[in-house]
Amino acid sequence: VQLQASGGGLAQAGDSLRLSCAASGIMLNLYHVGWYRQVPGKERTYVAAVNYGGHTNVETSVKDRFAISRDSAKNMVYLQMNSLKPEDTGVYYCNALHGENSMVAYWGQGTLVTVSS
């Protein structure tokens, strides 16, 4: 099983990026899939999630700028990030938690987003 996060990079404030989480070995529509951000020296924090029923949730502080979506046909989950701010900088990880067995979970390797002012 592998989760591959991609789409990060260097952006300027106000730009948009779309992060992708690709899975091999599992079907993401059977999992709750979340995005988390981590900055050096701090814990990983929740950003957004789509549950295996397709319902989405985005953390309040970014709710008006970020959106999460799932493409079941491609087995991908996306995080659309608009109006980026320097405080969005960090390594973004995707996580898949099995919808019916919370003991089964996977993390991707992370993709770095750097937003300059």
C-alpha atoms as a PDB file:
ATOM      1  CA  VAL A   1       0.000   0.000   0.000  1.00  0.00           C
ATOM      2  CA  GLN A   2       1.302   3.421  -0.895  1.00  0.00           C
ATOM      3  CA  LEU A   3      -0.042   6.937  -0.608  1.00  0.00           C
ATOM      4  CA  GLN A   4       1.708   9.470  -2.784  1.00  0.00           C
ATOM      5  CA  ALA A   5       1.196  13.154  -2.064  1.00  0.00           C
ATOM      6  CA  SER A   6       2.217  15.588  -4.762  1.00  0.00           C
ATOM      7  CA  GLY A   7       1.562  19.051  -6.078  1.00  0.00           C
ATOM      8  CA  GLY A   8       3.476  21.095  -3.571  1.00  0.00           C
ATOM      9  CA  GLY A   9       5.973  23.729  -4.493  1.00  0.00           C
ATOM     10  CA  LEU A  10       6.895  27.339  -4.182  1.00  0.00           C
ATOM     11  CA  ALA A  11       4.049  29.821  -4.427  1.00  0.00           C
ATOM     12  CA  GLN A  12       3.489  33.477  -3.788  1.00  0.00           C
ATOM     13  CA  ALA A  13       0.820  34.831  -1.511  1.00  0.00           C
ATOM     14  CA  GLY A  14      -2.470  34.825  -3.354  1.00  0.00           C
ATOM     15  CA  ASP A  15      -1.566  31.928  -5.634  1.00  0.00           C
ATOM     16  CA  SER A  16      -3.338  28.608  -5.832  1.00  0.00           C
ATOM     17  CA  LEU A  17      -2.025  25.071  -5.614  1.00  0.00           C
ATOM     18  CA  ARG A  18      -3.739  21.736  -5.900  1.00  0.00           C
ATOM     19  CA  LEU A  19      -2.317  18.879  -3.933  1.00  0.00           C
ATOM     20  CA  SER A  20      -2.986  15.326  -4.973  1.00  0.00           C
ATOM     21  CA  CYS A  21      -3.038  12.152  -2.934  1.00  0.00           C
ATOM     22  CA  ALA A  22      -2.751   9.047  -5.056  1.00  0.00           C
ATOM     23  CA  ALA A  23      -3.223   5.584  -3.626  1.00  0.00           C
ATOM     24  CA  SER A  24      -2.047   2.214  -4.751  1.00  0.00           C
ATOM     25  CA  GLY A  25      -3.138  -0.986  -3.094  1.00  0.00           C
ATOM     26  CA  ILE A  26      -6.266   0.467  -1.516  1.00  0.00           C
ATOM     27  CA  MET A  27      -9.457   2.070  -2.721  1.00  0.00           C
ATOM     28  CA  LEU A  28      -9.718   5.533  -1.250  1.00  0.00           C
ATOM     29  CA  ASN A  29     -13.496   5.515  -1.386  1.00  0.00           C
ATOM     30  CA  LEU A  30     -13.380   2.956   1.431  1.00  0.00           C
ATOM     31  CA  TYR A  31     -11.321   5.271   3.589  1.00  0.00           C
ATOM     32  CA  HIS A  32     -11.597   8.553   5.383  1.00  0.00           C
ATOM     33  CA  VAL A  33      -8.876  10.579   3.693  1.00  0.00           C
ATOM     34  CA  GLY A  34      -7.423  13.615   5.343  1.00  0.00           C
ATOM     35  CA  TRP A  35      -4.834  16.261   4.709  1.00  0.00           C
ATOM     36  CA  TYR A  36      -2.546  17.451   7.473  1.00  0.00           C
ATOM     37  CA  ARG A  37       0.107  20.146   7.614  1.00  0.00           C
ATOM     38  CA  GLN A  38       3.291  20.099   9.588  1.00  0.00           C
ATOM     39  CA  VAL A  39       5.794  22.856  10.126  1.00  0.00           C
ATOM     40  CA  PRO A  40       9.237  22.298  11.659  1.00  0.00           C
ATOM     41  CA  GLY A  41       9.116  21.870  15.410  1.00  0.00           C
ATOM     42  CA  LYS A  42       5.363  21.539  15.558  1.00  0.00           C
ATOM     43  CA  GLU A  43       2.867  18.737  15.482  1.00  0.00           C
ATOM     44  CA  ARG A  44       0.986  17.734  12.409  1.00  0.00           C
ATOM     45  CA  THR A  45      -2.321  19.566  12.276  1.00  0.00           C
ATOM     46  CA  TYR A  46      -5.563  18.765  10.546  1.00  0.00           C
ATOM     47  CA  VAL A  47      -6.508  20.635   7.391  1.00  0.00           C
ATOM     48  CA  ALA A  48      -9.354  18.818   5.667  1.00  0.00           C
ATOM     49  CA  ALA A  49     -10.922  15.425   5.164  1.00  0.00           C
ATOM     50  CA  VAL A  50     -13.361  13.518   3.028  1.00  0.00           C
ATOM     51  CA  ASN A  51     -14.977  10.532   4.648  1.00  0.00           C
ATOM     52  CA  TYR A  52     -15.676   7.273   2.917  1.00  0.00           C
ATOM     53  CA  GLY A  53     -19.262   8.365   2.463  1.00  0.00           C
ATOM     54  CA  GLY A  54     -18.059  11.360   0.487  1.00  0.00           C
ATOM     55  CA  HIS A  55     -18.792  14.027   3.075  1.00  0.00           C
ATOM     56  CA  THR A  56     -16.151  16.704   3.328  1.00  0.00           C
ATOM     57  CA  ASN A  57     -14.859  18.850   6.131  1.00  0.00           C
ATOM     58  CA  VAL A  58     -12.347  21.656   6.096  1.00  0.00           C
ATOM     59  CA  GLU A  59     -10.696  23.162   9.114  1.00  0.00           C
ATOM     60  CA  THR A  60     -12.366  26.423  10.033  1.00  0.00           C
ATOM     61  CA  SER A  61      -9.360  28.701   9.575  1.00  0.00           C
ATOM     62  CA  VAL A  62      -8.957  27.728   5.907  1.00  0.00           C
ATOM     63  CA  LYS A  63     -12.529  26.859   5.090  1.00  0.00           C
ATOM     64  CA  ASP A  64     -13.034  29.847   2.809  1.00  0.00           C
ATOM     65  CA  ARG A  65      -9.874  29.124   0.809  1.00  0.00           C
ATOM     66  CA  PHE A  66      -9.341  25.356   0.746  1.00  0.00           C
ATOM     67  CA  ALA A  67     -11.484  22.569  -0.596  1.00  0.00           C
ATOM     68  CA  ILE A  68     -11.084  18.821  -0.572  1.00  0.00           C
ATOM     69  CA  SER A  69     -12.453  16.495  -3.186  1.00  0.00           C
ATOM     70  CA  ARG A  70     -12.227  12.886  -4.234  1.00  0.00           C
ATOM     71  CA  ASP A  71     -12.126  11.310  -7.663  1.00  0.00           C
ATOM     72  CA  SER A  72     -13.033   7.691  -7.090  1.00  0.00           C
ATOM     73  CA  ALA A  73     -12.432   6.736 -10.712  1.00  0.00           C
ATOM     74  CA  LYS A  74      -8.828   7.899 -10.456  1.00  0.00           C
ATOM     75  CA  ASN A  75      -8.466   6.797  -6.827  1.00  0.00           C
ATOM     76  CA  MET A  76      -7.247  10.249  -5.925  1.00  0.00           C
ATOM     77  CA  VAL A  77      -8.036  12.886  -3.305  1.00  0.00           C
ATOM     78  CA  TYR A  78      -7.249  16.524  -3.911  1.00  0.00           C
ATOM     79  CA  LEU A  79      -6.733  19.571  -1.776  1.00  0.00           C
ATOM     80  CA  GLN A  80      -7.395  22.771  -3.657  1.00  0.00           C
ATOM     81  CA  MET A  81      -5.700  25.666  -1.934  1.00  0.00           C
ATOM     82  CA  ASN A  82      -6.565  29.157  -3.055  1.00  0.00           C
ATOM     83  CA  SER A  83      -5.463  32.596  -1.910  1.00  0.00           C
ATOM     84  CA  LEU A  84      -2.415  31.078  -0.305  1.00  0.00           C
ATOM     85  CA  LYS A  85      -0.830  32.814   2.658  1.00  0.00           C
ATOM     86  CA  PRO A  86       2.664  32.462   4.111  1.00  0.00           C
ATOM     87  CA  GLU A  87       1.154  30.701   7.120  1.00  0.00           C
ATOM     88  CA  ASP A  88       0.007  27.907   4.821  1.00  0.00           C
ATOM     89  CA  THR A  89       3.642  26.914   4.444  1.00  0.00           C
ATOM     90  CA  GLY A  90       4.450  23.423   5.571  1.00  0.00           C
ATOM     91  CA  VAL A  91       4.682  19.826   4.576  1.00  0.00           C
ATOM     92  CA  TYR A  92       1.283  18.460   3.663  1.00  0.00           C
ATOM     93  CA  TYR A  93       0.536  14.819   4.304  1.00  0.00           C
ATOM     94  CA  CYS A  94      -2.384  12.733   3.272  1.00  0.00           C
ATOM     95  CA  ASN A  95      -3.751  10.064   5.544  1.00  0.00           C
ATOM     96  CA  ALA A  96      -6.145   7.243   4.824  1.00  0.00           C
ATOM     97  CA  LEU A  97      -8.112   5.685   7.666  1.00  0.00           C
ATOM     98  CA  HIS A  98     -10.260   2.686   6.839  1.00  0.00           C
ATOM     99  CA  GLY A  99     -13.928   3.587   7.108  1.00  0.00           C
ATOM    100  CA  GLU A 100     -14.832   0.442   9.038  1.00  0.00           C
ATOM    101  CA  ASN A 101     -11.617  -0.452  10.780  1.00  0.00           C
ATOM    102  CA  SER A 102      -9.758   2.370  12.469  1.00  0.00           C
ATOM    103  CA  MET A 103      -6.803   0.076  13.046  1.00  0.00           C
ATOM    104  CA  VAL A 104      -5.998   0.304   9.363  1.00  0.00           C
ATOM    105  CA  ALA A 105      -4.380   3.596   8.443  1.00  0.00           C
ATOM    106  CA  TYR A 106      -1.735   4.849   6.079  1.00  0.00           C
ATOM    107  CA  TRP A 107       0.278   8.019   5.655  1.00  0.00           C
ATOM    108  CA  GLY A 108       1.760   9.462   2.512  1.00  0.00           C
ATOM    109  CA  GLN A 109       5.273  10.858   2.438  1.00  0.00           C
ATOM    110  CA  GLY A 110       4.327  14.523   2.341  1.00  0.00           C
ATOM    111  CA  THR A 111       4.679  17.330  -0.146  1.00  0.00           C
ATOM    112  CA  LEU A 112       6.240  20.660   0.729  1.00  0.00           C
ATOM    113  CA  VAL A 113       4.332  23.870   0.182  1.00  0.00           C
ATOM    114  CA  THR A 114       6.218  27.116   0.581  1.00  0.00           C
ATOM    115  CA  VAL A 115       4.332  30.371   0.313  1.00  0.00           C
ATOM    116  CA  SER A 116       6.283  33.602   0.124  1.00  0.00           C
ATOM    117  CA  SER A 117       4.854  37.001   0.875  1.00  0.00           C
END
